[in-house]
Amino acid sequence: MSKVNVDEKMVAETVADLRARDQEIEMRRARLSEEEVALLQKFPITGPVVELNVGGKHFSTRLATLRQVPGSMLDAMFSGRHDLARDAKGRVFIDRPSAPFRWILSVL
């Protein structure tokens, strides 16, 4: 096989690889858009504030604050992929003690 044929084959393989990667990126972008829509539907808020009921104590914080640590439990909970329990006033209900949560929230 000549050098030109080898180079053409390498170029063709690289182009095919790049096209496959481009498709994967587009699929990921579509999934992110779907998650964003789901998130906005689950948290119909007029501003970026989420109301929480943690252990009977009420907290208000920004959605961005709750999702600040990628891969954390709070990030996953507020990703829009999960149905979250709500109290009678529509606040997200987290059945955990409020004292530790207060510290966690203050660190975020």
C-alpha atoms as a PDB file:
ATOM      1  CA  MET A   1       0.000   0.000   0.000  1.00  0.00           C
ATOM      2  CA  SER A   2       1.387   3.383  -0.926  1.00  0.00           C
ATOM      3  CA  LYS A   3       1.905   6.235   1.536  1.00  0.00           C
ATOM      4  CA  VAL A   4      -0.886   8.224  -0.179  1.00  0.00           C
ATOM      5  CA  ASN A   5      -3.368   5.379   0.345  1.00  0.00           C
ATOM      6  CA  VAL A   6      -2.336   5.040   3.996  1.00  0.00           C
ATOM      7  CA  ASP A   7      -2.728   8.800   4.543  1.00  0.00           C
ATOM      8  CA  GLU A   8      -6.133   8.789   2.826  1.00  0.00           C
ATOM      9  CA  LYS A   9      -7.231   5.876   5.007  1.00  0.00           C
ATOM     10  CA  MET A  10      -6.069   7.682   8.182  1.00  0.00           C
ATOM     11  CA  VAL A  11      -7.888  10.844   7.114  1.00  0.00           C
ATOM     12  CA  ALA A  12     -11.076   8.881   6.389  1.00  0.00           C
ATOM     13  CA  GLU A  13     -10.884   7.149   9.803  1.00  0.00           C
ATOM     14  CA  THR A  14     -10.281  10.480  11.548  1.00  0.00           C
ATOM     15  CA  VAL A  15     -13.242  12.068   9.761  1.00  0.00           C
ATOM     16  CA  ALA A  16     -15.465   9.123  10.707  1.00  0.00           C
ATOM     17  CA  ASP A  17     -14.301   9.378  14.332  1.00  0.00           C
ATOM     18  CA  LEU A  18     -14.983  13.116  14.420  1.00  0.00           C
ATOM     19  CA  ARG A  19     -18.463  12.610  12.963  1.00  0.00           C
ATOM     20  CA  ALA A  20     -19.226   9.975  15.594  1.00  0.00           C
ATOM     21  CA  ARG A  21     -18.017  12.313  18.344  1.00  0.00           C
ATOM     22  CA  ASP A  22     -20.109  15.139  16.903  1.00  0.00           C
ATOM     23  CA  GLN A  23     -23.195  12.925  17.006  1.00  0.00           C
ATOM     24  CA  GLU A  24     -22.475  12.017  20.629  1.00  0.00           C
ATOM     25  CA  ILE A  25     -22.107  15.695  21.537  1.00  0.00           C
ATOM     26  CA  GLU A  26     -25.403  16.522  19.847  1.00  0.00           C
ATOM     27  CA  MET A  27     -27.165  13.692  21.706  1.00  0.00           C
ATOM     28  CA  ARG A  28     -25.718  14.938  24.998  1.00  0.00           C
ATOM     29  CA  ARG A  29     -26.802  18.491  24.190  1.00  0.00           C
ATOM     30  CA  ALA A  30     -30.341  17.268  23.481  1.00  0.00           C
ATOM     31  CA  ARG A  31     -30.424  15.344  26.782  1.00  0.00           C
ATOM     32  CA  LEU A  32     -29.232  18.419  28.657  1.00  0.00           C
ATOM     33  CA  SER A  33     -31.923  20.517  27.012  1.00  0.00           C
ATOM     34  CA  GLU A  34     -34.533  17.938  28.017  1.00  0.00           C
ATOM     35  CA  GLU A  35     -33.220  17.948  31.598  1.00  0.00           C
ATOM     36  CA  GLU A  36     -33.335  21.737  31.666  1.00  0.00           C
ATOM     37  CA  VAL A  37     -36.975  21.725  30.527  1.00  0.00           C
ATOM     38  CA  ALA A  38     -37.823  19.040  33.100  1.00  0.00           C
ATOM     39  CA  LEU A  39     -36.067  21.032  35.797  1.00  0.00           C
ATOM     40  CA  LEU A  40     -38.007  24.180  34.963  1.00  0.00           C
ATOM     41  CA  GLN A  41     -41.262  22.201  34.982  1.00  0.00           C
ATOM     42  CA  LYS A  42     -40.514  20.599  38.346  1.00  0.00           C
ATOM     43  CA  PHE A  43     -39.442  23.861  39.912  1.00  0.00           C
ATOM     44  CA  PRO A  44     -41.843  26.443  38.516  1.00  0.00           C
ATOM     45  CA  ILE A  45     -40.318  29.375  40.257  1.00  0.00           C
ATOM     46  CA  THR A  46     -40.578  33.027  39.441  1.00  0.00           C
ATOM     47  CA  GLY A  47     -36.989  33.536  40.522  1.00  0.00           C
ATOM     48  CA  PRO A  48     -34.004  31.357  41.185  1.00  0.00           C
ATOM     49  CA  VAL A  49     -35.156  30.600  44.743  1.00  0.00           C
ATOM     50  CA  VAL A  50     -36.194  27.167  46.023  1.00  0.00           C
ATOM     51  CA  GLU A  51     -38.227  26.804  49.201  1.00  0.00           C
ATOM     52  CA  LEU A  52     -37.288  23.838  51.383  1.00  0.00           C
ATOM     53  CA  ASN A  53     -38.752  22.120  54.430  1.00  0.00           C
ATOM     54  CA  VAL A  54     -35.944  20.218  56.132  1.00  0.00           C
ATOM     55  CA  GLY A  55     -36.866  18.514  59.396  1.00  0.00           C
ATOM     56  CA  GLY A  56     -39.704  20.993  59.895  1.00  0.00           C
ATOM     57  CA  LYS A  57     -37.479  24.051  59.424  1.00  0.00           C
ATOM     58  CA  HIS A  58     -37.925  26.222  56.381  1.00  0.00           C
ATOM     59  CA  PHE A  59     -35.067  27.343  54.174  1.00  0.00           C
ATOM     60  CA  SER A  60     -34.917  29.466  51.054  1.00  0.00           C
ATOM     61  CA  THR A  61     -31.951  29.205  48.761  1.00  0.00           C
ATOM     62  CA  ARG A  62     -30.981  29.457  45.142  1.00  0.00           C
ATOM     63  CA  LEU A  63     -31.261  26.402  42.931  1.00  0.00           C
ATOM     64  CA  ALA A  64     -27.705  27.097  41.770  1.00  0.00           C
ATOM     65  CA  THR A  65     -26.519  26.861  45.387  1.00  0.00           C
ATOM     66  CA  LEU A  66     -28.106  23.436  45.828  1.00  0.00           C
ATOM     67  CA  ARG A  67     -26.529  22.206  42.581  1.00  0.00           C
ATOM     68  CA  GLN A  68     -23.128  23.783  43.201  1.00  0.00           C
ATOM     69  CA  VAL A  69     -21.266  20.515  43.867  1.00  0.00           C
ATOM     70  CA  PRO A  70     -21.443  18.295  40.760  1.00  0.00           C
ATOM     71  CA  GLY A  71     -22.259  14.689  41.584  1.00  0.00           C
ATOM     72  CA  SER A  72     -23.494  15.503  45.087  1.00  0.00           C
ATOM     73  CA  MET A  73     -26.789  14.231  46.464  1.00  0.00           C
ATOM     74  CA  LEU A  74     -28.267  17.743  46.320  1.00  0.00           C
ATOM     75  CA  ASP A  75     -27.118  18.153  42.722  1.00  0.00           C
ATOM     76  CA  ALA A  76     -28.811  14.874  41.805  1.00  0.00           C
ATOM     77  CA  MET A  77     -31.976  15.660  43.767  1.00  0.00           C
ATOM     78  CA  PHE A  78     -32.435  19.031  42.082  1.00  0.00           C
ATOM     79  CA  SER A  79     -31.363  17.955  38.594  1.00  0.00           C
ATOM     80  CA  GLY A  80     -34.973  17.590  37.488  1.00  0.00           C
ATOM     81  CA  ARG A  81     -34.628  13.829  37.081  1.00  0.00           C
ATOM     82  CA  HIS A  82     -36.315  12.957  40.373  1.00  0.00           C
ATOM     83  CA  ASP A  83     -39.758  13.515  41.813  1.00  0.00           C
ATOM     84  CA  LEU A  84     -39.326  15.272  45.124  1.00  0.00           C
ATOM     85  CA  ALA A  85     -41.747  15.141  48.030  1.00  0.00           C
ATOM     86  CA  ARG A  86     -43.440  18.422  48.825  1.00  0.00           C
ATOM     87  CA  ASP A  87     -45.132  19.686  51.944  1.00  0.00           C
ATOM     88  CA  ALA A  88     -48.609  21.220  52.047  1.00  0.00           C
ATOM     89  CA  LYS A  89     -47.207  24.643  51.077  1.00  0.00           C
ATOM     90  CA  GLY A  90     -45.322  23.283  48.070  1.00  0.00           C
ATOM     91  CA  ARG A  91     -41.874  23.407  49.643  1.00  0.00           C
ATOM     92  CA  VAL A  92     -39.491  20.574  48.803  1.00  0.00           C
ATOM     93  CA  PHE A  93     -39.595  18.224  51.790  1.00  0.00           C
ATOM     94  CA  ILE A  94     -36.332  16.644  52.941  1.00  0.00           C
ATOM     95  CA  ASP A  95     -36.831  14.210  55.808  1.00  0.00           C
ATOM     96  CA  ARG A  96     -33.552  14.873  57.590  1.00  0.00           C
ATOM     97  CA  PRO A  97     -32.547  16.878  60.671  1.00  0.00           C
ATOM     98  CA  SER A  98     -32.411  20.585  59.967  1.00  0.00           C
ATOM     99  CA  ALA A  99     -29.336  21.403  62.112  1.00  0.00           C
ATOM    100  CA  PRO A 100     -26.781  19.575  59.931  1.00  0.00           C
ATOM    101  CA  PHE A 101     -28.520  20.832  56.800  1.00  0.00           C
ATOM    102  CA  ARG A 102     -28.147  24.417  57.993  1.00  0.00           C
ATOM    103  CA  TRP A 103     -24.371  23.883  58.185  1.00  0.00           C
ATOM    104  CA  ILE A 104     -24.259  22.214  54.777  1.00  0.00           C
ATOM    105  CA  LEU A 105     -26.218  25.063  53.251  1.00  0.00           C
ATOM    106  CA  SER A 106     -23.982  27.661  54.871  1.00  0.00           C
ATOM    107  CA  VAL A 107     -20.886  25.980  53.434  1.00  0.00           C
ATOM    108  CA  LEU A 108     -22.377  25.983  49.954  1.00  0.00           C
END
